[in-house]
Protein backbone atom coordinates (compact mmCIF):
# COMPACT_ATOMS: atom_id res chain seq x y z
CA MET A 1 -16.08 -42.80 19.08
CA GLU A 2 -13.45 -45.28 20.18
CA SER A 3 -10.87 -44.15 22.73
CA THR A 4 -8.03 -44.44 20.19
CA GLY A 5 -9.94 -42.15 17.84
CA MET A 6 -10.57 -39.63 20.62
CA LYS A 7 -6.88 -39.67 21.52
CA LEU A 8 -6.05 -38.70 17.93
CA PHE A 9 -8.65 -35.91 18.06
CA GLU A 10 -7.13 -34.54 21.26
CA GLU A 11 -3.62 -34.87 19.87
CA LEU A 12 -4.36 -32.97 16.65
CA GLY A 13 -7.02 -30.52 17.90
CA HIS A 14 -6.73 -27.25 19.76
CA PRO A 15 -9.35 -26.90 22.56
CA LEU A 16 -11.62 -23.83 22.56
CA SER A 17 -14.59 -22.76 24.68
CA PHE A 18 -17.41 -20.33 23.89
CA LYS A 19 -20.44 -19.04 25.79
CA LYS A 20 -24.02 -19.19 24.55
CA GLY A 21 -24.53 -16.44 21.96
CA ASP A 22 -20.83 -16.12 21.08
CA TYR A 23 -19.69 -16.41 17.48
CA VAL A 24 -16.99 -18.92 16.58
CA TYR A 25 -16.59 -16.94 13.35
CA LYS A 26 -18.62 -14.50 11.25
CA GLN A 27 -19.63 -14.44 7.61
CA GLY A 28 -17.04 -12.62 5.51
CA GLN A 29 -14.25 -13.18 8.05
CA LEU A 30 -10.96 -13.76 6.25
CA LEU A 31 -9.43 -17.19 6.67
CA ASP A 32 -6.04 -16.21 8.01
CA ASP A 33 -6.36 -19.11 10.46
CA LEU A 34 -7.94 -22.03 8.58
CA ARG A 35 -9.85 -24.13 11.08
CA VAL A 36 -12.43 -26.90 11.06
CA TYR A 37 -14.28 -27.48 14.33
CA TYR A 38 -15.41 -30.61 16.17
CA ILE A 39 -18.06 -30.12 18.87
CA LEU A 40 -17.07 -31.82 22.12
CA ASP A 41 -20.10 -30.44 23.92
CA GLY A 42 -22.91 -28.07 22.96
CA GLU A 43 -24.80 -26.83 19.91
CA VAL A 44 -23.79 -24.48 17.10
CA THR A 45 -25.89 -22.94 14.32
CA LEU A 46 -24.28 -22.15 10.99
CA ARG A 47 -26.06 -19.33 9.22
CA ARG A 48 -25.64 -18.00 5.71
CA LYS A 49 -27.21 -14.58 5.21
CA TYR A 50 -28.25 -13.68 1.68
CA THR A 51 -30.18 -10.51 2.52
CA ALA A 52 -31.45 -8.89 5.71
CA LEU A 53 -34.58 -11.06 5.44
CA LYS A 54 -33.26 -14.24 3.80
CA SER A 55 -30.88 -16.72 5.37
CA ASP A 56 -30.29 -20.45 5.74
CA GLU A 57 -29.37 -22.32 8.90
CA LEU A 58 -27.77 -25.67 9.66
CA HIS A 59 -27.66 -26.98 13.22
CA TYR A 60 -24.77 -28.98 14.65
CA LYS A 61 -24.51 -30.78 17.99
CA THR A 62 -22.04 -32.76 20.08
CA GLY A 63 -19.95 -35.11 17.95
CA GLU A 64 -20.35 -33.18 14.68
CA MET A 65 -17.88 -31.12 12.64
CA PHE A 66 -18.42 -27.79 10.90
CA GLY A 67 -16.45 -25.19 8.96
CA ILE A 68 -14.93 -27.59 6.45
CA LEU A 69 -16.47 -26.12 3.31
CA GLU A 70 -14.76 -22.75 3.58
CA VAL A 71 -11.39 -24.25 4.43
CA TYR A 72 -11.37 -25.97 1.06
CA LEU A 73 -13.21 -23.35 -1.01
CA GLY A 74 -12.04 -19.87 -0.29
CA LYS A 75 -10.36 -17.10 1.55
CA ALA A 76 -13.36 -15.89 3.57
CA ARG A 77 -16.08 -17.56 5.63
CA ILE A 78 -19.36 -17.87 3.73
CA THR A 79 -21.30 -18.62 6.91
CA GLU A 80 -21.33 -17.50 10.52
CA ALA A 81 -21.19 -19.96 13.39
CA GLN A 82 -23.08 -18.98 16.54
CA CYS A 83 -23.18 -20.95 19.79
CA MET A 84 -26.71 -21.89 20.86
CA THR A 85 -25.39 -23.22 24.20
CA ASP A 86 -22.08 -23.05 26.01
CA VAL A 87 -19.76 -24.94 23.66
CA ARG A 88 -16.47 -26.81 23.89
CA LEU A 89 -14.70 -27.38 20.57
CA LEU A 90 -11.57 -28.87 19.12
CA ALA A 91 -10.15 -26.78 16.25
CA PHE A 92 -8.17 -28.45 13.47
CA ASN A 93 -6.09 -27.08 10.65
CA ARG A 94 -6.44 -28.58 7.18
CA VAL A 95 -3.56 -31.03 7.68
CA GLY A 96 -5.08 -32.23 10.95
CA VAL A 97 -8.47 -32.80 9.32
CA GLU A 98 -6.88 -34.79 6.52
CA LYS A 99 -4.99 -36.95 9.04
CA LEU A 100 -8.25 -37.59 10.90
CA MET A 101 -10.08 -38.44 7.69
CA SER A 102 -7.42 -40.95 6.65
CA SER A 103 -7.31 -42.69 10.03
CA GLU A 104 -10.91 -42.42 11.31
CA MET A 105 -13.79 -43.54 9.10
CA SER A 106 -16.27 -41.82 11.44
CA VAL A 107 -14.66 -38.44 10.65
CA SER A 108 -14.96 -39.01 6.92
CA LEU A 109 -18.61 -40.01 7.30
CA SER A 110 -19.34 -36.98 9.47
CA ILE A 111 -17.84 -34.67 6.86
CA ILE A 112 -19.79 -36.37 4.07
CA ARG A 113 -23.04 -35.91 6.06
CA SER A 114 -22.23 -32.25 6.66
CA LEU A 115 -21.46 -31.57 3.00
CA SER A 116 -24.62 -33.44 1.97
CA SER A 117 -26.73 -31.15 4.18
CA ILE A 118 -25.14 -28.12 2.57
CA LEU A 119 -25.79 -29.50 -0.92
CA ARG A 120 -29.45 -30.14 -0.10
CA LYS A 121 -29.84 -26.49 0.97
CA VAL A 122 -28.16 -25.26 -2.22
CA ASN A 123 -30.38 -27.54 -4.30
CA ARG A 124 -33.50 -26.06 -2.68
CA HIS A 125 -32.27 -22.55 -3.54
CA ILE A 126 -31.67 -23.51 -7.15
CA LYS A 127 -35.22 -24.88 -7.41
CA GLU A 128 -36.59 -21.59 -6.02
CA LEU A 129 -34.83 -19.47 -8.66
CA PRO A 130 -37.08 -18.07 -11.40
CA ALA A 131 -36.76 -19.92 -14.72
């Protein structure tokens, strides 16, 4: 990312740090503090649990964003985000994300890629449903 883009990230984002194994948020957690996260360093796994034995996972690494779906869809997190390594994040509110999307094409593309991954997972689940 260009230095001007990173300056905007740092200006709009709130820095956070987590240790390996920590949860950024848990499934079902109410969205009293709407945040989308950008990974400065580390790896995070998003997990959606359907039953005790069935879940889906998406893996995110440095330079990727996560948490956007819930910010726009509902009042509670539908996934949990667990740190696979020590992680440094920037947290953005909805207004901050929209400012980034309008000024940085790379942010918009990252969000599109993330949402596409989620849609592929949902599509697989639909195909697995009994007719």
